[in-house]
N, C-alpha and C. Protein backbone atom coordinates (compact mmCIF):
# COMPACT_ATOMS: atom_id res chain seq x y z
N UNK A 1 122.28 -68.27 36.44
CA UNK A 1 122.22 -67.23 35.14
C UNK A 1 121.53 -68.25 34.13
N UNK A 2 121.73 -69.50 34.34
CA UNK A 2 121.13 -70.74 32.89
C UNK A 2 119.86 -70.12 33.49
N UNK A 3 119.36 -70.51 34.55
CA UNK A 3 117.95 -70.53 35.18
C UNK A 3 117.33 -69.57 35.03
N UNK A 4 117.69 -68.49 35.02
CA UNK A 4 117.12 -66.94 34.60
C UNK A 4 116.62 -67.02 33.24
N UNK A 5 117.89 -67.22 32.35
CA UNK A 5 118.25 -66.56 31.04
C UNK A 5 116.61 -67.77 30.29
N UNK A 6 117.00 -69.05 30.61
CA UNK A 6 115.71 -70.07 30.44
C UNK A 6 114.44 -69.76 30.79
N UNK A 7 114.28 -69.43 32.14
CA UNK A 7 113.03 -68.66 32.05
C UNK A 7 112.72 -67.45 31.73
N UNK A 8 113.83 -67.03 31.12
CA UNK A 8 113.26 -65.54 30.06
C UNK A 8 112.86 -65.85 29.07
N UNK A 9 113.35 -66.79 28.31
CA UNK A 9 113.38 -67.19 26.51
C UNK A 9 111.96 -68.44 26.76
N UNK A 10 111.64 -68.88 28.04
CA UNK A 10 110.53 -69.49 28.09
C UNK A 10 109.29 -68.35 28.13
N UNK A 11 109.25 -67.88 28.56
CA UNK A 11 108.47 -66.06 28.77
C UNK A 11 108.21 -66.04 27.74
N UNK A 12 109.48 -65.61 26.95
CA UNK A 12 109.03 -64.72 25.14
C UNK A 12 107.85 -65.59 24.32
N UNK A 13 109.00 -66.93 24.90
CA UNK A 13 108.32 -67.81 23.50
C UNK A 13 106.71 -68.37 23.92
N UNK A 14 106.55 -67.89 25.00
CA UNK A 14 104.95 -68.28 25.62
C UNK A 14 104.06 -66.82 24.81
N UNK A 15 104.69 -65.46 25.28
CA UNK A 15 103.66 -64.85 24.87
C UNK A 15 103.72 -64.72 23.26
N UNK A 16 104.96 -64.93 22.56
CA UNK A 16 104.77 -65.17 21.16
C UNK A 16 104.07 -65.71 20.58
N UNK A 17 103.17 -67.06 21.38
CA UNK A 17 102.71 -67.77 20.72
C UNK A 17 101.34 -67.47 21.32
N UNK A 18 100.93 -66.95 22.17
CA UNK A 18 99.55 -66.38 22.32
C UNK A 18 98.90 -65.84 21.24
N UNK A 19 99.40 -64.75 20.13
CA UNK A 19 99.21 -64.57 19.10
C UNK A 19 98.42 -65.36 18.35
N UNK A 20 98.99 -66.67 17.85
CA UNK A 20 98.88 -67.69 17.28
C UNK A 20 97.53 -68.66 17.23
N UNK A 21 96.35 -68.72 15.83
CA UNK A 21 95.18 -69.35 15.78
C UNK A 21 95.43 -70.01 14.72
N UNK A 22 94.42 -71.16 15.21
CA UNK A 22 94.58 -72.40 13.65
C UNK A 22 93.31 -71.78 13.26
N UNK A 23 93.67 -71.53 11.97
CA UNK A 23 92.45 -70.83 10.86
C UNK A 23 91.86 -72.01 10.05
N UNK A 24 91.69 -72.97 10.34
CA UNK A 24 91.13 -74.29 9.96
C UNK A 24 92.86 -74.80 9.09
N UNK A 25 93.46 -73.96 8.66
CA UNK A 25 94.17 -74.79 7.45
C UNK A 25 93.59 -74.73 6.17
N UNK A 26 92.28 -75.57 5.71
CA UNK A 26 91.86 -75.53 4.04
C UNK A 26 91.58 -73.89 3.54
N UNK A 27 91.95 -73.95 2.36
CA UNK A 27 91.68 -72.68 1.40
C UNK A 27 89.87 -71.98 2.12
N UNK A 28 89.82 -71.51 1.72
CA UNK A 28 88.35 -70.99 1.78
C UNK A 28 87.20 -71.08 3.06
N UNK A 29 88.08 -71.27 3.88
CA UNK A 29 87.67 -71.21 5.13
C UNK A 29 87.50 -70.22 6.17
N UNK A 30 86.59 -70.28 7.12
CA UNK A 30 86.93 -68.49 8.18
C UNK A 30 86.58 -69.52 9.20
N UNK A 31 87.22 -68.78 10.29
CA UNK A 31 86.85 -68.49 11.61
C UNK A 31 85.71 -68.87 12.27
N UNK A 32 84.78 -68.70 11.49
CA UNK A 32 83.30 -68.10 11.62
C UNK A 32 83.05 -66.65 12.11
N UNK A 33 81.67 -66.24 12.01
CA UNK A 33 81.54 -65.24 13.14
C UNK A 33 81.35 -64.70 13.75
N UNK A 34 81.60 -63.07 14.13
CA UNK A 34 82.25 -62.24 15.30
C UNK A 34 81.25 -62.31 16.02
N UNK A 35 79.45 -62.85 16.16
CA UNK A 35 79.08 -61.97 16.49
C UNK A 35 77.35 -63.07 15.91
N UNK A 36 76.14 -62.68 17.00
CA UNK A 36 75.32 -63.69 16.65
C UNK A 36 74.59 -63.13 15.07
N UNK A 37 74.70 -61.43 15.01
CA UNK A 37 74.08 -60.98 13.91
C UNK A 37 74.94 -61.79 12.91
N UNK A 38 76.22 -61.64 12.67
CA UNK A 38 76.42 -61.67 12.09
C UNK A 38 76.54 -63.12 11.14
N UNK A 39 76.43 -64.51 12.54
CA UNK A 39 75.84 -65.19 12.05
C UNK A 39 74.58 -65.13 11.73
N UNK A 40 73.58 -64.49 11.90
CA UNK A 40 72.11 -64.40 11.53
C UNK A 40 72.52 -64.20 9.72
N UNK A 41 73.23 -63.11 9.56
CA UNK A 41 73.66 -62.87 8.36
C UNK A 41 73.95 -63.60 7.30
N UNK A 42 74.85 -64.64 7.38
CA UNK A 42 75.21 -65.52 6.93
C UNK A 42 74.34 -66.89 6.54
N UNK A 43 73.36 -67.21 7.87
CA UNK A 43 72.32 -67.95 7.28
C UNK A 43 71.06 -67.36 6.66
N UNK A 44 70.89 -66.15 6.56
CA UNK A 44 69.82 -65.23 5.33
C UNK A 44 71.04 -65.28 3.92
N UNK A 45 72.26 -65.04 3.92
CA UNK A 45 72.99 -64.98 2.70
C UNK A 45 72.87 -67.20 2.35
N UNK A 46 72.83 -67.90 2.89
CA UNK A 46 73.23 -68.81 2.60
C UNK A 46 71.58 -69.22 2.15
N UNK A 47 70.95 -68.91 2.70
CA UNK A 47 69.28 -69.93 2.28
C UNK A 47 68.81 -69.14 0.72
N UNK A 48 69.52 -67.53 0.92
CA UNK A 48 68.79 -67.00 -0.21
C UNK A 48 69.71 -67.32 -1.34
N UNK A 49 70.52 -67.15 -1.63
CA UNK A 49 71.76 -67.75 -2.43
C UNK A 49 71.25 -69.23 -2.90
N UNK A 50 70.88 -70.69 -1.92
CA UNK A 50 70.61 -71.42 -2.58
C UNK A 50 69.64 -71.46 -3.31
N UNK A 51 68.44 -70.59 -2.66
CA UNK A 51 66.86 -70.12 -3.93
C UNK A 51 67.47 -69.65 -5.12
N UNK A 52 67.88 -68.50 -4.93
CA UNK A 52 68.12 -68.15 -6.08
C UNK A 52 69.10 -69.05 -7.53
N UNK A 53 70.19 -69.38 -6.70
CA UNK A 53 71.05 -70.14 -7.97
C UNK A 53 70.30 -71.90 -8.15
N UNK A 54 69.68 -72.36 -7.20
CA UNK A 54 69.14 -73.22 -7.60
C UNK A 54 69.81 -74.81 -6.67
N UNK A 55 71.09 -74.16 -6.43
CA UNK A 55 72.67 -75.04 -6.14
C UNK A 55 72.53 -75.11 -4.49
N UNK A 56 72.57 -76.26 -3.86
CA UNK A 56 72.60 -76.37 -2.59
C UNK A 56 74.26 -76.61 -2.11
N UNK A 57 74.68 -76.42 -2.50
CA UNK A 57 76.25 -76.43 -2.24
C UNK A 57 76.55 -75.44 -2.42
N UNK A 58 76.30 -74.88 -0.94
CA UNK A 58 76.61 -72.96 -0.47
C UNK A 58 77.79 -73.19 0.68
N UNK A 59 78.63 -72.50 0.49
CA UNK A 59 79.43 -72.81 1.58
C UNK A 59 80.00 -71.38 2.00
N UNK A 60 80.68 -70.25 2.96
CA UNK A 60 80.83 -69.00 3.49
C UNK A 60 82.35 -69.60 3.19
N UNK A 61 82.79 -68.53 2.72
CA UNK A 61 84.16 -67.91 2.46
C UNK A 61 84.35 -67.38 3.94
N UNK A 62 83.73 -66.03 3.65
CA UNK A 62 83.91 -64.93 4.41
C UNK A 62 82.91 -64.28 5.01
N UNK A 63 82.77 -63.37 5.89
CA UNK A 63 81.97 -62.02 6.20
C UNK A 63 82.37 -60.87 6.72
N UNK A 64 81.62 -59.53 6.41
CA UNK A 64 82.31 -58.69 6.78
C UNK A 64 81.08 -58.26 7.76
N UNK A 65 80.99 -57.87 8.50
CA UNK A 65 80.17 -57.58 9.58
C UNK A 65 79.80 -56.05 9.57
N UNK A 66 78.41 -55.34 9.51
CA UNK A 66 78.20 -53.78 9.69
C UNK A 66 76.97 -53.59 10.17
N UNK A 67 76.45 -53.00 10.69
CA UNK A 67 75.54 -52.11 11.24
C UNK A 67 74.32 -52.12 9.65
N UNK A 68 74.95 -51.36 8.97
CA UNK A 68 73.98 -51.31 7.64
C UNK A 68 73.89 -52.06 6.90
N UNK A 69 74.70 -53.23 7.08
CA UNK A 69 74.15 -54.70 6.30
C UNK A 69 75.43 -55.60 6.02
N UNK A 70 75.49 -56.83 5.98
CA UNK A 70 77.35 -56.95 5.97
C UNK A 70 76.88 -58.21 4.83
N UNK A 71 78.26 -58.16 4.47
CA UNK A 71 78.54 -58.56 3.14
C UNK A 71 78.83 -60.27 3.58
N UNK A 72 78.84 -61.16 2.79
CA UNK A 72 78.87 -62.60 2.94
C UNK A 72 79.32 -63.13 1.84
N UNK A 73 80.62 -63.59 1.74
CA UNK A 73 81.13 -64.23 0.28
C UNK A 73 80.80 -65.49 0.70
N UNK A 74 80.23 -66.12 -0.86
CA UNK A 74 80.22 -68.07 -0.47
C UNK A 74 80.66 -68.19 -2.00
N UNK A 75 81.42 -69.61 -1.60
CA UNK A 75 81.66 -70.31 -2.80
C UNK A 75 80.73 -71.45 -3.22
N UNK A 76 79.63 -71.36 -4.31
CA UNK A 76 78.68 -72.25 -4.84
C UNK A 76 78.82 -73.44 -5.61
N UNK A 77 78.78 -73.70 -5.37
CA UNK A 77 80.04 -75.73 -6.08
C UNK A 77 79.35 -75.37 -7.42
N UNK A 78 80.53 -75.47 -8.20
CA UNK A 78 80.55 -75.68 -9.67
C UNK A 78 80.33 -74.02 -10.31
N UNK A 79 80.45 -72.88 -9.63
CA UNK A 79 79.62 -72.12 -10.53
C UNK A 79 80.74 -70.41 -9.39
N UNK A 80 81.69 -70.75 -8.51
CA UNK A 80 82.60 -70.08 -8.29
C UNK A 80 81.98 -68.89 -7.00
N UNK A 81 82.90 -67.89 -6.67
CA UNK A 81 82.35 -67.42 -5.76
C UNK A 81 81.36 -66.07 -6.21
N UNK A 82 79.91 -65.97 -4.71
CA UNK A 82 78.99 -65.35 -5.10
C UNK A 82 79.25 -64.19 -3.56
N UNK A 83 78.91 -63.58 -3.89
CA UNK A 83 78.77 -62.04 -3.02
C UNK A 83 76.95 -61.80 -2.88
N UNK A 84 76.38 -61.52 -1.00
CA UNK A 84 75.19 -61.25 -0.84
C UNK A 84 75.69 -59.93 0.30
N UNK A 85 74.57 -59.18 0.85
CA UNK A 85 74.65 -58.10 1.38
C UNK A 85 73.03 -58.67 2.30
N UNK A 86 73.23 -59.03 3.65
CA UNK A 86 72.27 -59.35 4.47
C UNK A 86 72.01 -58.26 5.30
N UNK A 87 70.88 -58.13 6.21
CA UNK A 87 70.38 -57.19 6.68
C UNK A 87 69.86 -57.69 7.99
N UNK A 88 69.41 -56.54 9.08
CA UNK A 88 68.84 -56.99 10.56
C UNK A 88 67.64 -57.88 10.57
N UNK A 89 66.55 -57.08 9.67
CA UNK A 89 65.50 -57.92 9.20
C UNK A 89 65.23 -59.53 8.71
N UNK A 90 66.52 -59.67 8.27
CA UNK A 90 66.44 -61.21 7.98
C UNK A 90 66.50 -60.74 6.65
N UNK A 91 66.51 -59.87 5.85
CA UNK A 91 66.42 -59.91 4.20
C UNK A 91 67.42 -60.18 3.44
N UNK A 92 67.77 -59.66 2.28
CA UNK A 92 68.99 -59.99 1.73
C UNK A 92 69.06 -59.15 0.27
N UNK A 93 69.92 -59.05 0.08
CA UNK A 93 69.98 -58.11 -1.57
C UNK A 93 71.13 -58.37 -2.30
N UNK A 94 71.59 -58.22 -3.64
CA UNK A 94 72.68 -58.15 -4.52
C UNK A 94 73.08 -59.56 -4.61
N UNK A 95 72.50 -60.40 -4.29
CA UNK A 95 73.28 -61.82 -4.41
C UNK A 95 73.86 -62.35 -6.32
N UNK A 96 74.48 -62.15 -5.99
CA UNK A 96 75.43 -61.77 -7.28
C UNK A 96 76.52 -62.45 -7.77
N UNK A 97 76.44 -63.77 -8.40
CA UNK A 97 78.03 -63.95 -9.02
C UNK A 97 79.67 -63.15 -9.31
N UNK A 98 80.50 -63.54 -8.40
CA UNK A 98 81.80 -62.37 -8.36
C UNK A 98 82.96 -63.30 -9.47
N UNK A 99 82.40 -63.98 -9.82
CA UNK A 99 83.24 -65.02 -10.92
C UNK A 99 82.33 -64.85 -12.18
N UNK A 100 81.50 -64.34 -12.40
CA UNK A 100 80.88 -63.98 -13.86
C UNK A 100 79.97 -62.65 -13.72
N UNK A 101 80.67 -61.90 -13.07
CA UNK A 101 79.68 -60.75 -12.37
C UNK A 101 78.65 -60.14 -13.41
N UNK A 102 77.74 -59.89 -12.96
CA UNK A 102 76.20 -59.28 -13.25
C UNK A 102 75.43 -60.56 -13.52
N UNK A 103 76.11 -62.26 -13.19
CA UNK A 103 75.15 -62.51 -13.55
C UNK A 103 74.06 -62.80 -12.38
N UNK A 104 72.71 -62.83 -12.29
CA UNK A 104 71.98 -62.74 -11.41
C UNK A 104 72.49 -61.32 -10.15
């Protein structure tokens, strides 16, 4: 009887842990893009945000993939959070500070 209970408890524990994912532990980290189109969008936004702000310290905080345009949220060193929309053709738009809305 004890063996069956132990086996049942171990099985339940195993299934309970299957959904656990290490998200990196640090604030502002993101597990990464869900597909190559999202990865391309992230890269385009980082590239264009660096060029727009003149700041090389740009890190992706999160992204939300969409066929219509992928929103990428970034941390730009010393200036706060920025937003960008990237399209499949490699272009971007709406690069804007979310900390100081309306800037750029």
